[in-house]
Amino acid sequence: MAVGDTHPRDLSWGQQTALAIAIQMSRKPTVLALDEPTRGLDSGAAQLLREVLSCVVETGTALIIATHDHAFTDVGSDRVLSLREGKLWESPAGVSR
């Protein structure tokens, strides 16, 4: 079966996420917001998603990512906001939280 013959619901979770991002990027947004983009992904799929999002950043699109995956916050990050003990904390990108 060719890729074009596959229904989106039959794609893996990572492929569905990449497809959703591609659909949104077709509208050339200035901002793309993602909520827990690595949920349900294995480490390989998360790495592929990181590469996809790096390409998104290269287009000039800003990313807003809400995640519990602290290792994923370095994707195109200029800054990171963390919610800890009910307070919002700002950290420069690449700094451990």
C-alpha atoms as a PDB file:
ATOM      1  CA  MET A   1       0.000   0.000   0.000  1.00  0.00           C
ATOM      2  CA  ALA A   2       1.388   3.410  -0.971  1.00  0.00           C
ATOM      3  CA  VAL A   3       1.670   6.210   1.575  1.00  0.00           C
ATOM      4  CA  GLY A   4      -0.975   8.187  -0.325  1.00  0.00           C
ATOM      5  CA  ASP A   5      -3.385   5.292   0.142  1.00  0.00           C
ATOM      6  CA  THR A   6      -3.086   5.383   3.962  1.00  0.00           C
ATOM      7  CA  HIS A   7      -5.920   7.011   5.890  1.00  0.00           C
ATOM      8  CA  PRO A   8      -4.628   9.519   8.485  1.00  0.00           C
ATOM      9  CA  ARG A   9      -6.181   7.521  11.338  1.00  0.00           C
ATOM     10  CA  ASP A  10      -3.989   4.560  10.304  1.00  0.00           C
ATOM     11  CA  LEU A  11      -0.765   6.568  10.699  1.00  0.00           C
ATOM     12  CA  SER A  12       1.391   6.297  13.811  1.00  0.00           C
ATOM     13  CA  TRP A  13       0.929   8.949  16.499  1.00  0.00           C
ATOM     14  CA  GLY A  14       4.168  10.638  15.400  1.00  0.00           C
ATOM     15  CA  GLN A  15       3.081  10.625  11.758  1.00  0.00           C
ATOM     16  CA  GLN A  16      -0.300  12.092  12.735  1.00  0.00           C
ATOM     17  CA  THR A  17       1.476  14.851  14.660  1.00  0.00           C
ATOM     18  CA  ALA A  18       3.758  15.629  11.702  1.00  0.00           C
ATOM     19  CA  LEU A  19       0.733  15.669   9.378  1.00  0.00           C
ATOM     20  CA  ALA A  20      -1.146  18.066  11.670  1.00  0.00           C
ATOM     21  CA  ILE A  21       1.868  20.389  11.740  1.00  0.00           C
ATOM     22  CA  ALA A  22       2.192  20.222   7.946  1.00  0.00           C
ATOM     23  CA  ILE A  23      -1.478  21.114   7.541  1.00  0.00           C
ATOM     24  CA  GLN A  24      -1.107  24.085   9.890  1.00  0.00           C
ATOM     25  CA  MET A  25       2.091  25.237   8.178  1.00  0.00           C
ATOM     26  CA  SER A  26       0.317  25.269   4.807  1.00  0.00           C
ATOM     27  CA  ARG A  27      -1.432  28.425   6.061  1.00  0.00           C
ATOM     28  CA  LYS A  28       1.959  30.088   6.759  1.00  0.00           C
ATOM     29  CA  PRO A  29       1.207  30.986  10.380  1.00  0.00           C
ATOM     30  CA  THR A  30       3.332  33.465  12.313  1.00  0.00           C
ATOM     31  CA  VAL A  31       2.878  31.397  15.494  1.00  0.00           C
ATOM     32  CA  LEU A  32       2.379  27.657  15.995  1.00  0.00           C
ATOM     33  CA  ALA A  33       1.186  26.508  19.441  1.00  0.00           C
ATOM     34  CA  LEU A  34       1.684  22.882  20.477  1.00  0.00           C
ATOM     35  CA  ASP A  35       0.365  21.203  23.613  1.00  0.00           C
ATOM     36  CA  GLU A  36       2.423  18.192  24.758  1.00  0.00           C
ATOM     37  CA  PRO A  37       3.754  17.402  21.258  1.00  0.00           C
ATOM     38  CA  THR A  38       5.887  14.482  22.485  1.00  0.00           C
ATOM     39  CA  ARG A  39       3.029  12.724  24.305  1.00  0.00           C
ATOM     40  CA  GLY A  40       2.867   9.130  23.148  1.00  0.00           C
ATOM     41  CA  LEU A  41       6.069   9.313  21.087  1.00  0.00           C
ATOM     42  CA  ASP A  42       9.079   7.068  21.517  1.00  0.00           C
ATOM     43  CA  SER A  43      12.510   8.706  21.572  1.00  0.00           C
ATOM     44  CA  GLY A  44      13.044   8.174  17.834  1.00  0.00           C
ATOM     45  CA  ALA A  45       9.738   9.782  16.901  1.00  0.00           C
ATOM     46  CA  ALA A  46      10.396  12.652  19.341  1.00  0.00           C
ATOM     47  CA  GLN A  47      13.750  13.268  17.618  1.00  0.00           C
ATOM     48  CA  LEU A  48      12.048  13.347  14.213  1.00  0.00           C
ATOM     49  CA  LEU A  49       9.495  15.805  15.600  1.00  0.00           C
ATOM     50  CA  ARG A  50      12.366  17.943  16.912  1.00  0.00           C
ATOM     51  CA  GLU A  51      13.772  18.033  13.358  1.00  0.00           C
ATOM     52  CA  VAL A  52      10.369  18.972  11.911  1.00  0.00           C
ATOM     53  CA  LEU A  53      10.011  21.785  14.448  1.00  0.00           C
ATOM     54  CA  SER A  54      13.542  23.025  13.705  1.00  0.00           C
ATOM     55  CA  CYS A  55      12.423  23.405  10.085  1.00  0.00           C
ATOM     56  CA  VAL A  56       9.322  25.270  11.274  1.00  0.00           C
ATOM     57  CA  VAL A  57      11.534  27.714  13.194  1.00  0.00           C
ATOM     58  CA  GLU A  58      13.686  28.213  10.082  1.00  0.00           C
ATOM     59  CA  THR A  59      10.589  29.487   8.231  1.00  0.00           C
ATOM     60  CA  GLY A  60      10.307  32.303  10.781  1.00  0.00           C
ATOM     61  CA  THR A  61       7.300  30.818  12.530  1.00  0.00           C
ATOM     62  CA  ALA A  62       7.355  31.287  16.309  1.00  0.00           C
ATOM     63  CA  LEU A  63       6.728  28.206  18.455  1.00  0.00           C
ATOM     64  CA  ILE A  64       4.854  28.098  21.725  1.00  0.00           C
ATOM     65  CA  ILE A  65       5.182  24.666  23.309  1.00  0.00           C
ATOM     66  CA  ALA A  66       3.467  23.510  26.495  1.00  0.00           C
ATOM     67  CA  THR A  67       5.227  20.362  27.700  1.00  0.00           C
ATOM     68  CA  HIS A  68       6.306  18.303  30.678  1.00  0.00           C
ATOM     69  CA  ASP A  69       9.239  17.043  28.586  1.00  0.00           C
ATOM     70  CA  HIS A  70      12.000  19.400  29.745  1.00  0.00           C
ATOM     71  CA  ALA A  71      14.482  17.888  27.298  1.00  0.00           C
ATOM     72  CA  PHE A  72      12.228  19.062  24.463  1.00  0.00           C
ATOM     73  CA  THR A  73      12.196  22.745  25.453  1.00  0.00           C
ATOM     74  CA  ASP A  74      15.362  23.539  23.504  1.00  0.00           C
ATOM     75  CA  VAL A  75      13.623  23.291  20.106  1.00  0.00           C
ATOM     76  CA  GLY A  76      14.016  26.794  18.721  1.00  0.00           C
ATOM     77  CA  SER A  77      13.818  28.299  22.202  1.00  0.00           C
ATOM     78  CA  ASP A  78      14.776  31.876  22.875  1.00  0.00           C
ATOM     79  CA  ARG A  79      13.422  31.529  26.396  1.00  0.00           C
ATOM     80  CA  VAL A  80      11.623  29.019  28.533  1.00  0.00           C
ATOM     81  CA  LEU A  81       8.845  29.729  31.001  1.00  0.00           C
ATOM     82  CA  SER A  82       8.353  27.144  33.743  1.00  0.00           C
ATOM     83  CA  LEU A  83       5.450  26.830  36.143  1.00  0.00           C
ATOM     84  CA  ARG A  84       6.755  25.744  39.540  1.00  0.00           C
ATOM     85  CA  GLU A  85       4.910  25.889  42.825  1.00  0.00           C
ATOM     86  CA  GLY A  86       2.217  28.036  41.245  1.00  0.00           C
ATOM     87  CA  LYS A  87       4.672  30.676  39.980  1.00  0.00           C
ATOM     88  CA  LEU A  88       5.946  31.404  36.481  1.00  0.00           C
ATOM     89  CA  TRP A  89       9.748  31.389  36.127  1.00  0.00           C
ATOM     90  CA  GLU A  90      11.748  32.453  33.095  1.00  0.00           C
ATOM     91  CA  SER A  91      14.970  30.735  32.087  1.00  0.00           C
ATOM     92  CA  PRO A  92      17.210  31.341  29.110  1.00  0.00           C
ATOM     93  CA  ALA A  93      17.078  28.568  26.519  1.00  0.00           C
ATOM     94  CA  GLY A  94      19.405  25.674  27.243  1.00  0.00           C
ATOM     95  CA  VAL A  95      19.460  26.232  31.017  1.00  0.00           C
ATOM     96  CA  SER A  96      18.351  23.345  33.205  1.00  0.00           C
ATOM     97  CA  ARG A  97      15.131  23.924  35.028  1.00  0.00           C
END
